[in-house]
Structures are given as structure tokens and as C-alpha cells.
């Protein structure tokens, strides 16, 4: 069976920002270890980059929805 993925769309904005910060720091540490030492799991680079992109996409979608909503409300007045 496939592993259960985290559903970023159901997470709150502050949780997403915290997770994003953790992933960015983790990716930095992986890159640092790659230069100085051997990385145990090279596939982790790809996983982290994709998860960062997923989180940024969800945050951007929410930002755009909020903009559209405010424009629609301003247009009704």
C-alpha cells in the first residue's frame, strides 16, 4: 500500500509556515552534509524540494482566493 501523504490543504497557515521553515532548514542541512560528508539518503533532496513546492503552492492559492474575495466584496459596495 502507498504511504499516507500529509494533506497540506487541510493544514492552517501557521502550521504550513512552520513546516515550510523546517523543510528549508532540513534541505540546507542536507546540502551542507553533501559537501562535507556522505548523505545517507540522496532521494531526500527531491522529496524535500517537492514538499516545499507543494506548501508554497497551497499558500499562494489561499492568497489568491483572499484577493479575489476582497475584490468581489469591494465590487458589491
PDB file of N, CA and C in Angstrom:
ATOM      1  N   UNK A   1       0.831  -1.187   0.000  1.00  0.00           N
ATOM      2  CA  UNK A   1       0.000   0.000   0.000  1.00  0.00           C
ATOM      3  C   UNK A   1       0.875   1.250   0.000  1.00  0.00           C
ATOM      4  N   UNK A   2       0.321   2.292  -0.514  1.00  0.00           N
ATOM      5  CA  UNK A   2       1.049   3.557  -0.555  1.00  0.00           C
ATOM      6  C   UNK A   2       1.049   4.212   0.823  1.00  0.00           C
ATOM      7  N   UNK A   3       2.088   4.976   1.077  1.00  0.00           N
ATOM      8  CA  UNK A   3       2.174   5.689   2.346  1.00  0.00           C
ATOM      9  C   UNK A   3       1.185   6.843   2.358  1.00  0.00           C
ATOM     10  N   UNK A   4       0.710   7.181   3.530  1.00  0.00           N
ATOM     11  CA  UNK A   4      -0.218   8.300   3.664  1.00  0.00           C
ATOM     12  C   UNK A   4       0.569   9.602   3.576  1.00  0.00           C
ATOM     13  N   UNK A   5       0.185  10.440   2.641  1.00  0.00           N
ATOM     14  CA  UNK A   5       0.844  11.736   2.475  1.00  0.00           C
ATOM     15  C   UNK A   5       0.190  12.758   3.402  1.00  0.00           C
ATOM     16  N   UNK A   6       0.969  13.767   3.749  1.00  0.00           N
ATOM     17  CA  UNK A   6       0.400  14.856   4.530  1.00  0.00           C
ATOM     18  C   UNK A   6      -0.491  15.677   3.608  1.00  0.00           C
ATOM     19  N   UNK A   7      -1.654  16.037   4.095  1.00  0.00           N
ATOM     20  CA  UNK A   7      -2.555  16.839   3.301  1.00  0.00           C
ATOM     21  C   UNK A   7      -2.363  18.298   3.697  1.00  0.00           C
ATOM     22  N   UNK A   8      -1.609  19.002   2.880  1.00  0.00           N
ATOM     23  CA  UNK A   8      -1.268  20.382   3.189  1.00  0.00           C
ATOM     24  C   UNK A   8      -2.468  21.316   3.056  1.00  0.00           C
ATOM     25  N   UNK A   9      -3.453  20.951   2.259  1.00  0.00           N
ATOM     26  CA  UNK A   9      -4.621  21.813   2.081  1.00  0.00           C
ATOM     27  C   UNK A   9      -5.482  21.888   3.335  1.00  0.00           C
ATOM     28  N   UNK A  10      -5.373  20.885   4.193  1.00  0.00           N
ATOM     29  CA  UNK A  10      -6.177  20.872   5.415  1.00  0.00           C
ATOM     30  C   UNK A  10      -5.466  21.540   6.587  1.00  0.00           C
ATOM     31  N   UNK A  11      -4.195  21.878   6.411  1.00  0.00           N
ATOM     32  CA  UNK A  11      -3.424  22.493   7.489  1.00  0.00           C
ATOM     33  C   UNK A  11      -3.671  24.001   7.523  1.00  0.00           C
ATOM     34  N   UNK A  12      -3.518  24.592   8.692  1.00  0.00           N
ATOM     35  CA  UNK A  12      -3.668  26.034   8.855  1.00  0.00           C
ATOM     36  C   UNK A  12      -2.415  26.735   8.326  1.00  0.00           C
ATOM     37  N   UNK A  13      -2.543  28.028   8.060  1.00  0.00           N
ATOM     38  CA  UNK A  13      -1.433  28.795   7.504  1.00  0.00           C
ATOM     39  C   UNK A  13      -0.208  28.790   8.414  1.00  0.00           C
ATOM     40  N   UNK A  14      -0.423  28.945   9.713  1.00  0.00           N
ATOM     41  CA  UNK A  14       0.723  28.968  10.622  1.00  0.00           C
ATOM     42  C   UNK A  14       1.423  27.611  10.679  1.00  0.00           C
ATOM     43  N   UNK A  15       0.644  26.525  10.591  1.00  0.00           N
ATOM     44  CA  UNK A  15       1.248  25.194  10.542  1.00  0.00           C
ATOM     45  C   UNK A  15       2.067  25.017   9.267  1.00  0.00           C
ATOM     46  N   UNK A  16       1.520  25.501   8.152  1.00  0.00           N
ATOM     47  CA  UNK A  16       2.226  25.391   6.877  1.00  0.00           C
ATOM     48  C   UNK A  16       3.530  26.180   6.899  1.00  0.00           C
ATOM     49  N   UNK A  17       3.478  27.374   7.452  1.00  0.00           N
ATOM     50  CA  UNK A  17       4.699  28.186   7.521  1.00  0.00           C
ATOM     51  C   UNK A  17       5.754  27.522   8.403  1.00  0.00           C
ATOM     52  N   UNK A  18       5.318  26.907   9.493  1.00  0.00           N
ATOM     53  CA  UNK A  18       6.254  26.217  10.386  1.00  0.00           C
ATOM     54  C   UNK A  18       6.870  25.010   9.667  1.00  0.00           C
ATOM     55  N   UNK A  19       6.037  24.241   8.966  1.00  0.00           N
ATOM     56  CA  UNK A  19       6.514  23.074   8.227  1.00  0.00           C
ATOM     57  C   UNK A  19       7.468  23.503   7.108  1.00  0.00           C
ATOM     58  N   UNK A  20       7.132  24.604   6.435  1.00  0.00           N
ATOM     59  CA  UNK A  20       7.983  25.127   5.367  1.00  0.00           C
ATOM     60  C   UNK A  20       9.357  25.510   5.914  1.00  0.00           C
ATOM     61  N   UNK A  21       9.363  26.163   7.045  1.00  0.00           N
ATOM     62  CA  UNK A  21      10.622  26.560   7.680  1.00  0.00           C
ATOM     63  C   UNK A  21      11.469  25.331   8.041  1.00  0.00           C
ATOM     64  N   UNK A  22      10.812  24.297   8.571  1.00  0.00           N
ATOM     65  CA  UNK A  22      11.524  23.068   8.917  1.00  0.00           C
ATOM     66  C   UNK A  22      12.136  22.417   7.677  1.00  0.00           C
ATOM     67  N   UNK A  23      11.357  22.367   6.585  1.00  0.00           N
ATOM     68  CA  UNK A  23      11.849  21.736   5.368  1.00  0.00           C
ATOM     69  C   UNK A  23      13.012  22.509   4.755  1.00  0.00           C
ATOM     70  N   UNK A  24      12.930  23.828   4.779  1.00  0.00           N
ATOM     71  CA  UNK A  24      14.010  24.645   4.220  1.00  0.00           C
ATOM     72  C   UNK A  24      15.288  24.454   5.026  1.00  0.00           C
ATOM     73  N   UNK A  25      15.154  24.438   6.348  1.00  0.00           N
ATOM     74  CA  UNK A  25      16.335  24.205   7.199  1.00  0.00           C
ATOM     75  C   UNK A  25      16.900  22.806   6.966  1.00  0.00           C
ATOM     76  N   UNK A  26      16.026  21.828   6.857  1.00  0.00           N
ATOM     77  CA  UNK A  26      16.461  20.455   6.616  1.00  0.00           C
ATOM     78  C   UNK A  26      17.180  20.316   5.283  1.00  0.00           C
ATOM     79  N   UNK A  27      16.654  20.983   4.250  1.00  0.00           N
ATOM     80  CA  UNK A  27      17.290  20.938   2.939  1.00  0.00           C
ATOM     81  C   UNK A  27      18.658  21.609   2.980  1.00  0.00           C
ATOM     82  N   UNK A  28      18.758  22.716   3.700  1.00  0.00           N
ATOM     83  CA  UNK A  28      20.051  23.382   3.855  1.00  0.00           C
ATOM     84  C   UNK A  28      21.052  22.448   4.527  1.00  0.00           C
ATOM     85  N   UNK A  29      20.613  21.777   5.587  1.00  0.00           N
ATOM     86  CA  UNK A  29      21.494  20.844   6.288  1.00  0.00           C
ATOM     87  C   UNK A  29      21.918  19.687   5.395  1.00  0.00           C
ATOM     88  N   UNK A  30      20.991  19.195   4.563  1.00  0.00           N
ATOM     89  CA  UNK A  30      21.341  18.133   3.628  1.00  0.00           C
ATOM     90  C   UNK A  30      22.414  18.592   2.648  1.00  0.00           C
ATOM     91  N   UNK A  31      22.235  19.786   2.125  1.00  0.00           N
ATOM     92  CA  UNK A  31      23.223  20.325   1.180  1.00  0.00           C
ATOM     93  C   UNK A  31      24.580  20.496   1.860  1.00  0.00           C
ATOM     94  N   UNK A  32      24.555  20.947   3.084  1.00  0.00           N
ATOM     95  CA  UNK A  32      25.792  21.145   3.829  1.00  0.00           C
ATOM     96  C   UNK A  32      26.494  19.803   4.057  1.00  0.00           C
ATOM     97  N   UNK A  33      25.713  18.782   4.439  1.00  0.00           N
ATOM     98  CA  UNK A  33      26.293  17.455   4.643  1.00  0.00           C
ATOM     99  C   UNK A  33      26.808  16.856   3.340  1.00  0.00           C
ATOM    100  N   UNK A  34      26.129  17.178   2.228  1.00  0.00           N
ATOM    101  CA  UNK A  34      26.563  16.660   0.926  1.00  0.00           C
ATOM    102  C   UNK A  34      27.970  17.161   0.593  1.00  0.00           C
ATOM    103  N   UNK A  35      28.245  18.403   0.915  1.00  0.00           N
ATOM    104  CA  UNK A  35      29.550  18.988   0.629  1.00  0.00           C
ATOM    105  C   UNK A  35      30.614  18.451   1.575  1.00  0.00           C
ATOM    106  N   UNK A  36      30.266  18.314   2.842  1.00  0.00           N
ATOM    107  CA  UNK A  36      31.266  17.945   3.833  1.00  0.00           C
ATOM    108  C   UNK A  36      31.380  16.445   4.075  1.00  0.00           C
ATOM    109  N   UNK A  37      30.312  15.705   3.789  1.00  0.00           N
ATOM    110  CA  UNK A  37      30.284  14.290   4.142  1.00  0.00           C
ATOM    111  C   UNK A  37      29.391  13.548   3.153  1.00  0.00           C
ATOM    112  N   UNK A  38      29.129  12.295   3.428  1.00  0.00           N
ATOM    113  CA  UNK A  38      28.266  11.477   2.580  1.00  0.00           C
ATOM    114  C   UNK A  38      26.836  11.555   3.106  1.00  0.00           C
ATOM    115  N   UNK A  39      25.877  11.706   2.190  1.00  0.00           N
ATOM    116  CA  UNK A  39      24.466  11.763   2.553  1.00  0.00           C
ATOM    117  C   UNK A  39      23.910  10.337   2.528  1.00  0.00           C
ATOM    118  N   UNK A  40      23.182   9.969   3.577  1.00  0.00           N
ATOM    119  CA  UNK A  40      22.637   8.622   3.679  1.00  0.00           C
ATOM    120  C   UNK A  40      21.543   8.374   2.641  1.00  0.00           C
ATOM    121  N   UNK A  41      20.686   9.352   2.445  1.00  0.00           N
ATOM    122  CA  UNK A  41      19.532   9.184   1.562  1.00  0.00           C
ATOM    123  C   UNK A  41      19.489  10.321   0.536  1.00  0.00           C
ATOM    124  N   UNK A  42      20.107  10.147  -0.624  1.00  0.00           N
ATOM    125  CA  UNK A  42      20.120  11.218  -1.615  1.00  0.00           C
ATOM    126  C   UNK A  42      18.732  11.558  -2.178  1.00  0.00           C
ATOM    127  N   UNK A  43      17.794  10.633  -2.086  1.00  0.00           N
ATOM    128  CA  UNK A  43      16.440  10.891  -2.580  1.00  0.00           C
ATOM    129  C   UNK A  43      15.714  11.920  -1.721  1.00  0.00           C
ATOM    130  N   UNK A  44      16.224  12.180  -0.522  1.00  0.00           N
ATOM    131  CA  UNK A  44      15.584  13.142   0.379  1.00  0.00           C
ATOM    132  C   UNK A  44      15.605  14.555  -0.209  1.00  0.00           C
ATOM    133  N   UNK A  45      16.619  14.881  -1.017  1.00  0.00           N
ATOM    134  CA  UNK A  45      16.681  16.192  -1.677  1.00  0.00           C
ATOM    135  C   UNK A  45      15.417  16.427  -2.500  1.00  0.00           C
ATOM    136  N   UNK A  46      15.103  15.450  -3.325  1.00  0.00           N
ATOM    137  CA  UNK A  46      13.942  15.556  -4.217  1.00  0.00           C
ATOM    138  C   UNK A  46      12.641  15.644  -3.410  1.00  0.00           C
ATOM    139  N   UNK A  47      12.520  14.817  -2.387  1.00  0.00           N
ATOM    140  CA  UNK A  47      11.312  14.814  -1.558  1.00  0.00           C
ATOM    141  C   UNK A  47      11.112  16.164  -0.879  1.00  0.00           C
ATOM    142  N   UNK A  48      12.190  16.701  -0.309  1.00  0.00           N
ATOM    143  CA  UNK A  48      12.090  17.986   0.385  1.00  0.00           C
ATOM    144  C   UNK A  48      11.747  19.113  -0.576  1.00  0.00           C
ATOM    145  N   UNK A  49      12.393  19.139  -1.730  1.00  0.00           N
ATOM    146  CA  UNK A  49      12.096  20.196  -2.709  1.00  0.00           C
ATOM    147  C   UNK A  49      10.639  20.144  -3.148  1.00  0.00           C
ATOM    148  N   UNK A  50      10.137  18.947  -3.376  1.00  0.00           N
ATOM    149  CA  UNK A  50       8.739  18.806  -3.805  1.00  0.00           C
ATOM    150  C   UNK A  50       7.768  19.201  -2.703  1.00  0.00           C
ATOM    151  N   UNK A  51       8.060  18.837  -1.483  1.00  0.00           N
ATOM    152  CA  UNK A  51       7.191  19.220  -0.367  1.00  0.00           C
ATOM    153  C   UNK A  51       7.200  20.735  -0.162  1.00  0.00           C
ATOM    154  N   UNK A  52       8.360  21.360  -0.329  1.00  0.00           N
ATOM    155  CA  UNK A  52       8.441  22.822  -0.241  1.00  0.00           C
ATOM    156  C   UNK A  52       7.571  23.446  -1.321  1.00  0.00           C
ATOM    157  N   UNK A  53       7.653  22.919  -2.532  1.00  0.00           N
ATOM    158  CA  UNK A  53       6.841  23.446  -3.634  1.00  0.00           C
ATOM    159  C   UNK A  53       5.351  23.250  -3.365  1.00  0.00           C
ATOM    160  N   UNK A  54       4.984  22.111  -2.809  1.00  0.00           N
ATOM    161  CA  UNK A  54       3.573  21.856  -2.502  1.00  0.00           C
ATOM    162  C   UNK A  54       3.041  22.853  -1.478  1.00  0.00           C
ATOM    163  N   UNK A  55       3.821  23.106  -0.448  1.00  0.00           N
ATOM    164  CA  UNK A  55       3.391  24.040   0.599  1.00  0.00           C
ATOM    165  C   UNK A  55       3.275  25.445   0.027  1.00  0.00           C
ATOM    166  N   UNK A  56       4.267  25.866  -0.757  1.00  0.00           N
ATOM    167  CA  UNK A  56       4.214  27.207  -1.348  1.00  0.00           C
ATOM    168  C   UNK A  56       3.024  27.351  -2.287  1.00  0.00           C
ATOM    169  N   UNK A  57       2.684  26.287  -3.000  1.00  0.00           N
ATOM    170  CA  UNK A  57       1.534  26.322  -3.891  1.00  0.00           C
ATOM    171  C   UNK A  57       0.242  26.511  -3.117  1.00  0.00           C
ATOM    172  N   UNK A  58       0.082  25.777  -2.033  1.00  0.00           N
ATOM    173  CA  UNK A  58      -1.132  25.893  -1.214  1.00  0.00           C
ATOM    174  C   UNK A  58      -1.237  27.302  -0.631  1.00  0.00           C
ATOM    175  N   UNK A  59      -0.126  27.829  -0.128  1.00  0.00           N
ATOM    176  CA  UNK A  59      -0.148  29.186   0.444  1.00  0.00           C
ATOM    177  C   UNK A  59      -0.502  30.222  -0.621  1.00  0.00           C
ATOM    178  N   UNK A  60       0.043  30.055  -1.816  1.00  0.00           N
ATOM    179  CA  UNK A  60      -0.247  31.008  -2.901  1.00  0.00           C
ATOM    180  C   UNK A  60      -1.711  30.913  -3.335  1.00  0.00           C
ATOM    181  N   UNK A  61      -2.256  29.705  -3.411  1.00  0.00           N
ATOM    182  CA  UNK A  61      -3.670  29.541  -3.758  1.00  0.00           C
ATOM    183  C   UNK A  61      -4.561  30.268  -2.759  1.00  0.00           C
ATOM    184  N   UNK A  62      -4.241  30.126  -1.491  1.00  0.00           N
ATOM    185  CA  UNK A  62      -5.039  30.808  -0.457  1.00  0.00           C
ATOM    186  C   UNK A  62      -4.915  32.313  -0.569  1.00  0.00           C
ATOM    187  N   UNK A  63      -3.725  32.784  -0.871  1.00  0.00           N
ATOM    188  CA  UNK A  63      -3.509  34.221  -1.037  1.00  0.00           C
ATOM    189  C   UNK A  63      -4.342  34.762  -2.195  1.00  0.00           C
ATOM    190  N   UNK A  64      -4.358  34.048  -3.304  1.00  0.00           N
ATOM    191  CA  UNK A  64      -5.125  34.494  -4.466  1.00  0.00           C
ATOM    192  C   UNK A  64      -6.630  34.437  -4.210  1.00  0.00           C
ATOM    193  N   UNK A  65      -7.087  33.408  -3.496  1.00  0.00           N
ATOM    194  CA  UNK A  65      -8.510  33.324  -3.158  1.00  0.00           C
ATOM    195  C   UNK A  65      -8.926  34.496  -2.286  1.00  0.00           C
ATOM    196  N   UNK A  66      -8.083  34.887  -1.351  1.00  0.00           N
ATOM    197  CA  UNK A  66      -8.382  36.014  -0.478  1.00  0.00           C
ATOM    198  C   UNK A  66      -8.446  37.313  -1.278  1.00  0.00           C
ATOM    199  N   UNK A  67      -7.555  37.472  -2.257  1.00  0.00           N
ATOM    200  CA  UNK A  67      -7.571  38.678  -3.099  1.00  0.00           C
ATOM    201  C   UNK A  67      -8.851  38.759  -3.909  1.00  0.00           C
ATOM    202  N   UNK A  68      -9.240  37.648  -4.512  1.00  0.00           N
ATOM    203  CA  UNK A  68     -10.454  37.617  -5.319  1.00  0.00           C
ATOM    204  C   UNK A  68     -11.665  37.911  -4.453  1.00  0.00           C
ATOM    205  N   UNK A  69     -11.686  37.349  -3.270  1.00  0.00           N
ATOM    206  CA  UNK A  69     -12.809  37.551  -2.363  1.00  0.00           C
ATOM    207  C   UNK A  69     -12.939  39.023  -1.973  1.00  0.00           C
ATOM    208  N   UNK A  70     -11.825  39.689  -1.688  1.00  0.00           N
ATOM    209  CA  UNK A  70     -11.874  41.101  -1.321  1.00  0.00           C
ATOM    210  C   UNK A  70     -12.296  41.968  -2.502  1.00  0.00           C
ATOM    211  N   UNK A  71     -11.879  41.608  -3.707  1.00  0.00           N
ATOM    212  CA  UNK A  71     -12.295  42.359  -4.893  1.00  0.00           C
ATOM    213  C   UNK A  71     -13.783  42.219  -5.149  1.00  0.00           C
ATOM    214  N   UNK A  72     -14.303  41.003  -4.963  1.00  0.00           N
ATOM    215  CA  UNK A  72     -15.723  40.774  -5.162  1.00  0.00           C
ATOM    216  C   UNK A  72     -16.536  41.535  -4.136  1.00  0.00           C
ATOM    217  N   UNK A  73     -16.089  41.533  -2.881  1.00  0.00           N
ATOM    218  CA  UNK A  73     -16.803  42.259  -1.831  1.00  0.00           C
ATOM    219  C   UNK A  73     -16.732  43.756  -2.064  1.00  0.00           C
ATOM    220  N   UNK A  74     -15.604  44.248  -2.567  1.00  0.00           N
ATOM    221  CA  UNK A  74     -15.470  45.685  -2.844  1.00  0.00           C
ATOM    222  C   UNK A  74     -16.361  46.081  -4.022  1.00  0.00           C
ATOM    223  N   UNK A  75     -16.538  45.170  -4.975  1.00  0.00           N
ATOM    224  CA  UNK A  75     -17.375  45.452  -6.131  1.00  0.00           C
ATOM    225  C   UNK A  75     -18.850  45.491  -5.800  1.00  0.00           C
ATOM    226  N   UNK A  76     -19.278  44.814  -4.773  1.00  0.00           N
ATOM    227  CA  UNK A  76     -20.690  44.782  -4.378  1.00  0.00           C
ATOM    228  C   UNK A  76     -21.114  46.064  -3.686  1.00  0.00           C
ATOM    229  N   UNK A  77     -20.136  46.787  -3.103  1.00  0.00           N
ATOM    230  CA  UNK A  77     -20.484  48.000  -2.343  1.00  0.00           C
ATOM    231  C   UNK A  77     -20.706  49.168  -3.222  1.00  0.00           C
TER     232      UNK A  77
END
